[in-house]
Amino acid sequence: MEWRFDQEKNVAAISTRQVCVENFPILLVVHYSEDHSWAFTCGITNKSEDMLVVNMGEIVEKDSSLHEIADLPPGWCAERNSACAEWRKYKDDSI
């Protein structure tokens, strides 16, 4: 599949231990406006001890549905209720 994210596959992103180790689904994606970085999380924790640095390519390989939101603009989020649900995109001025 064509790589459409604004960051390269080898660029660092944020995820959670729950997603990377415990195989929770990715339910919340944040595309930060300040530096265009990305976070791919389970949506249930924001504790620093749960955060992990991953590379974009590895996290997208883990969940190919992320290609659906590769065009998410900086300053926007996408979330869903389950791994089978549709992504809902919205602007968040706080990010």
Protein backbone atom coordinates (compact mmCIF):
# COMPACT_ATOMS: atom_id res chain seq x y z
CA MET A 1 0.00 0.00 0.00
CA GLU A 2 1.23 3.49 -0.83
CA TRP A 3 2.67 5.46 2.10
CA ARG A 4 0.57 8.64 2.44
CA PHE A 5 1.54 9.92 5.90
CA ASP A 6 3.39 13.24 6.14
CA GLN A 7 6.15 11.54 8.15
CA GLU A 8 8.43 8.80 6.81
CA LYS A 9 8.12 5.18 7.94
CA ASN A 10 11.26 5.42 10.10
CA VAL A 11 10.14 8.53 12.04
CA ALA A 12 9.33 8.16 15.75
CA ALA A 13 5.73 8.25 16.96
CA ILE A 14 4.04 7.70 20.31
CA SER A 15 1.98 4.68 21.26
CA THR A 16 1.13 2.83 24.46
CA ARG A 17 2.28 -0.32 26.15
CA GLN A 18 -1.31 -1.51 25.87
CA VAL A 19 -1.19 -1.29 22.04
CA CYS A 20 2.35 -2.54 21.50
CA VAL A 21 2.67 -5.21 24.18
CA GLU A 22 -0.86 -6.17 25.18
CA ASN A 23 -2.35 -5.90 21.65
CA PHE A 24 -5.12 -3.46 22.53
CA PRO A 25 -6.65 -1.87 19.41
CA ILE A 26 -5.64 1.62 18.33
CA LEU A 27 -8.71 3.74 19.06
CA LEU A 28 -7.26 7.27 19.20
CA VAL A 29 -4.84 8.93 16.79
CA VAL A 30 -3.46 12.43 17.30
CA HIS A 31 -1.59 14.44 14.65
CA TYR A 32 0.10 17.24 16.55
CA SER A 33 0.10 20.71 15.01
CA GLU A 34 3.36 21.94 16.55
CA ASP A 35 5.77 19.42 15.03
CA HIS A 36 3.49 17.23 12.88
CA SER A 37 4.27 14.20 15.06
CA TRP A 38 1.77 11.40 15.56
CA ALA A 39 0.39 9.38 18.49
CA PHE A 40 -1.41 6.05 18.04
CA THR A 41 -2.98 5.00 21.33
CA CYS A 42 -5.56 2.77 22.91
CA GLY A 43 -7.46 5.83 24.13
CA ILE A 44 -7.70 4.57 27.73
CA THR A 45 -4.49 5.91 29.24
CA ASN A 46 -2.32 9.00 29.03
CA LYS A 47 0.02 8.01 31.86
CA SER A 48 3.65 8.64 30.99
CA GLU A 49 4.64 5.18 32.20
CA ASP A 50 2.35 3.63 29.55
CA MET A 51 3.82 5.63 26.64
CA LEU A 52 6.28 4.08 24.20
CA VAL A 53 8.23 5.46 21.27
CA VAL A 54 7.64 3.44 18.10
CA ASN A 55 8.34 4.03 14.45
CA MET A 56 5.59 5.02 12.06
CA GLY A 57 6.10 2.03 9.78
CA GLU A 58 5.83 -0.52 12.57
CA ILE A 59 2.66 0.92 14.07
CA VAL A 60 0.94 1.23 10.68
CA GLU A 61 1.97 -2.33 9.86
CA LYS A 62 0.33 -3.41 13.13
CA ASP A 63 -3.00 -1.84 12.05
CA SER A 64 -3.44 -1.31 8.32
CA SER A 65 -6.70 0.62 8.88
CA LEU A 66 -4.48 3.56 9.84
CA HIS A 67 -3.97 4.15 6.11
CA GLU A 68 -7.58 5.42 6.10
CA ILE A 69 -6.53 8.43 8.19
CA ALA A 70 -3.08 9.08 6.72
CA ASP A 71 -4.38 12.41 5.39
CA LEU A 72 -5.37 13.60 8.89
CA PRO A 73 -4.24 17.24 9.06
CA PRO A 74 -1.97 18.49 11.85
CA GLY A 75 -4.10 19.64 14.77
CA TRP A 76 -6.66 16.92 14.18
CA CYS A 77 -7.57 13.65 15.90
CA ALA A 78 -9.31 10.50 14.80
CA GLU A 79 -11.05 8.08 17.07
CA ARG A 80 -13.31 5.06 16.94
CA ASN A 81 -15.18 2.89 19.44
CA SER A 82 -13.65 -0.42 18.37
CA ALA A 83 -11.18 -1.85 15.86
CA CYS A 84 -14.09 -2.57 13.50
CA ALA A 85 -15.69 0.88 13.75
CA GLU A 86 -15.31 3.78 11.34
CA TRP A 87 -12.81 6.52 12.18
CA ARG A 88 -14.32 9.84 13.27
CA LYS A 89 -12.07 12.83 12.50
CA TYR A 90 -12.20 16.14 14.35
CA LYS A 91 -10.12 19.28 14.82
CA ASP A 92 -8.67 19.87 18.30
CA ASP A 93 -7.25 23.35 18.85
CA SER A 94 -5.45 22.20 22.01
CA ILE A 95 -3.01 20.00 20.09
